[in-house]
């Protein structure tokens, strides 16, 4: 505490902590090096608070993801018709859980957009409705939308 750096090592695994470095390419005992940061990325480096953990298994471990149908999402504006009229959107119908389960990913709808995602130039506007939790699903929106289901 008080700005000091503390180190502890399991006595059953001597030499588990790397000396002179904190993120070696190959950790002793085949451990995984992970940094846990408690600081915002905008903080000056000298004020960062962090912990290095050396784990038997990585904190995030999963089987490969499988692509899924993108539903009502799009990112390719070349395929979309331009709409010059003023647009208004009525609220999306919120289904009862007994009717159909819609999680965040299934309930996403692209309303409009412009630009090219690969050049990071443009915008897309989405709206969502959902009535159930997401289980083993994720969405990645970076250069283009990809929907995945965990195994």
Protein backbone atom coordinates (compact mmCIF):
# COMPACT_ATOMS: atom_id res chain seq x y z
CA UNK A 1 0.00 0.00 0.00
CA UNK A 2 0.86 3.72 0.06
CA UNK A 3 2.37 3.63 -3.45
CA UNK A 4 4.65 0.67 -2.77
CA UNK A 5 4.91 -2.33 -5.06
CA UNK A 6 4.29 -5.67 -3.38
CA UNK A 7 5.12 -9.15 -4.64
CA UNK A 8 3.99 -12.54 -3.42
CA UNK A 9 4.78 -15.98 -4.79
CA UNK A 10 3.32 -19.37 -3.97
CA UNK A 11 6.04 -21.31 -2.11
CA UNK A 12 4.99 -24.48 -3.99
CA UNK A 13 6.13 -22.86 -7.28
CA UNK A 14 9.51 -21.21 -6.69
CA UNK A 15 10.63 -18.96 -9.56
CA UNK A 16 7.08 -18.50 -10.87
CA UNK A 17 7.44 -14.70 -10.88
CA UNK A 18 9.61 -13.45 -13.73
CA UNK A 19 12.61 -11.41 -12.62
CA UNK A 20 13.36 -8.04 -14.20
CA UNK A 21 10.19 -8.04 -16.30
CA UNK A 22 6.46 -8.37 -15.86
CA UNK A 23 5.22 -9.67 -19.21
CA UNK A 24 7.63 -12.30 -20.55
CA UNK A 25 6.97 -14.06 -23.86
CA UNK A 26 7.09 -17.39 -22.03
CA UNK A 27 6.13 -17.46 -18.34
CA UNK A 28 7.59 -20.03 -15.94
CA UNK A 29 5.39 -23.11 -15.39
CA UNK A 30 3.44 -22.26 -18.57
CA UNK A 31 1.46 -19.56 -16.75
CA UNK A 32 -0.44 -16.77 -18.49
CA UNK A 33 0.59 -13.17 -17.70
CA UNK A 34 -2.36 -10.77 -17.35
CA UNK A 35 -2.41 -7.14 -16.27
CA UNK A 36 -5.33 -5.89 -14.20
CA UNK A 37 -5.53 -2.10 -14.35
CA UNK A 38 -7.46 0.10 -11.97
CA UNK A 39 -6.71 3.34 -13.80
CA UNK A 40 -8.30 5.14 -16.71
CA UNK A 41 -6.25 4.98 -19.90
CA UNK A 42 -6.03 8.78 -19.83
CA UNK A 43 -4.10 8.86 -16.53
CA UNK A 44 -0.41 9.72 -16.64
CA UNK A 45 1.71 6.57 -16.63
CA UNK A 46 3.31 7.49 -13.31
CA UNK A 47 -0.10 7.44 -11.56
CA UNK A 48 -1.37 4.16 -13.03
CA UNK A 49 -2.39 1.49 -10.54
CA UNK A 50 -2.05 -2.07 -11.77
CA UNK A 51 -1.51 -5.67 -10.77
CA UNK A 52 0.21 -8.40 -12.74
CA UNK A 53 -1.40 -11.80 -12.36
CA UNK A 54 0.19 -15.06 -13.45
CA UNK A 55 -2.61 -17.57 -13.96
CA UNK A 56 -2.89 -21.27 -14.78
CA UNK A 57 -5.69 -20.49 -17.26
CA UNK A 58 -6.44 -17.12 -18.90
CA UNK A 59 -9.31 -15.17 -17.35
CA UNK A 60 -11.15 -15.31 -20.68
CA UNK A 61 -11.33 -18.80 -22.09
CA UNK A 62 -13.91 -19.93 -24.66
CA UNK A 63 -14.43 -22.11 -27.69
CA UNK A 64 -14.31 -20.48 -31.15
CA UNK A 65 -17.30 -18.30 -32.01
CA UNK A 66 -19.61 -19.09 -34.91
CA UNK A 67 -21.01 -16.37 -37.21
CA UNK A 68 -24.78 -15.88 -36.99
CA UNK A 69 -27.45 -14.24 -39.13
CA UNK A 70 -27.19 -10.45 -38.74
CA UNK A 71 -30.96 -9.95 -38.73
CA UNK A 72 -31.93 -6.30 -39.20
CA UNK A 73 -28.36 -4.92 -39.02
CA UNK A 74 -26.41 -3.60 -41.98
CA UNK A 75 -23.16 -1.77 -42.62
CA UNK A 76 -23.02 -1.79 -46.43
CA UNK A 77 -24.62 1.47 -47.49
CA UNK A 78 -24.04 0.67 -51.18
CA UNK A 79 -26.87 -1.86 -50.90
CA UNK A 80 -29.24 0.52 -49.09
CA UNK A 81 -31.68 2.81 -50.87
CA UNK A 82 -31.32 6.50 -50.02
CA UNK A 83 -34.40 7.99 -48.35
CA UNK A 84 -34.71 11.78 -48.85
CA UNK A 85 -37.92 12.14 -46.82
CA UNK A 86 -38.03 13.16 -43.19
CA UNK A 87 -38.18 10.00 -41.14
CA UNK A 88 -40.00 9.21 -37.95
CA UNK A 89 -39.97 5.94 -36.11
CA UNK A 90 -42.79 4.57 -34.09
CA UNK A 91 -41.71 2.60 -31.05
CA UNK A 92 -40.82 -0.99 -31.80
CA UNK A 93 -43.32 -3.45 -30.43
CA UNK A 94 -42.15 -4.95 -27.16
CA UNK A 95 -43.06 -8.59 -27.26
CA UNK A 96 -44.03 -10.51 -24.17
CA UNK A 97 -41.50 -13.12 -23.14
CA UNK A 98 -44.09 -15.81 -23.83
CA UNK A 99 -44.48 -14.68 -27.48
CA UNK A 100 -40.88 -14.53 -28.70
CA UNK A 101 -37.60 -14.02 -26.92
CA UNK A 102 -35.62 -11.07 -28.23
CA UNK A 103 -32.23 -10.41 -26.69
CA UNK A 104 -30.18 -7.26 -27.37
CA UNK A 105 -28.60 -8.67 -30.54
CA UNK A 106 -31.86 -9.98 -32.03
CA UNK A 107 -33.63 -6.72 -31.19
CA UNK A 108 -31.09 -4.43 -32.91
CA UNK A 109 -32.38 -2.63 -36.01
CA UNK A 110 -30.33 -0.36 -38.26
CA UNK A 111 -32.29 2.82 -38.96
CA UNK A 112 -29.87 4.68 -41.18
CA UNK A 113 -26.22 5.35 -41.85
CA UNK A 114 -23.65 6.82 -44.18
CA UNK A 115 -19.97 6.44 -44.86
CA UNK A 116 -17.60 3.52 -45.02
CA UNK A 117 -16.92 1.48 -41.86
CA UNK A 118 -13.55 0.15 -43.09
CA UNK A 119 -12.19 3.69 -43.44
CA UNK A 120 -13.68 4.61 -40.05
CA UNK A 121 -15.54 7.46 -41.71
CA UNK A 122 -19.27 7.70 -41.22
CA UNK A 123 -22.10 6.94 -38.85
CA UNK A 124 -24.80 4.36 -38.28
CA UNK A 125 -27.88 4.77 -36.11
CA UNK A 126 -29.45 1.72 -34.51
CA UNK A 127 -32.39 1.20 -32.18
CA UNK A 128 -33.08 -1.86 -30.06
CA UNK A 129 -35.80 -3.63 -28.16
CA UNK A 130 -35.33 -6.67 -25.97
CA UNK A 131 -37.22 -8.75 -23.46
CA UNK A 132 -34.71 -11.42 -22.43
CA UNK A 133 -31.08 -11.67 -21.33
CA UNK A 134 -28.27 -12.50 -23.73
CA UNK A 135 -26.90 -15.99 -23.15
CA UNK A 136 -23.77 -17.16 -25.00
CA UNK A 137 -24.06 -14.39 -27.61
CA UNK A 138 -22.08 -11.27 -28.38
CA UNK A 139 -21.94 -8.54 -30.99
CA UNK A 140 -18.82 -6.84 -32.32
CA UNK A 141 -19.24 -3.49 -34.04
CA UNK A 142 -15.90 -2.25 -35.30
CA UNK A 143 -15.37 -2.03 -39.05
CA UNK A 144 -18.52 -4.00 -39.76
CA UNK A 145 -21.18 -5.74 -37.75
CA UNK A 146 -20.58 -9.38 -36.87
CA UNK A 147 -22.84 -11.39 -34.62
CA UNK A 148 -21.47 -14.46 -32.85
CA UNK A 149 -22.82 -17.26 -30.74
CA UNK A 150 -20.65 -18.86 -28.08
CA UNK A 151 -20.23 -22.61 -28.05
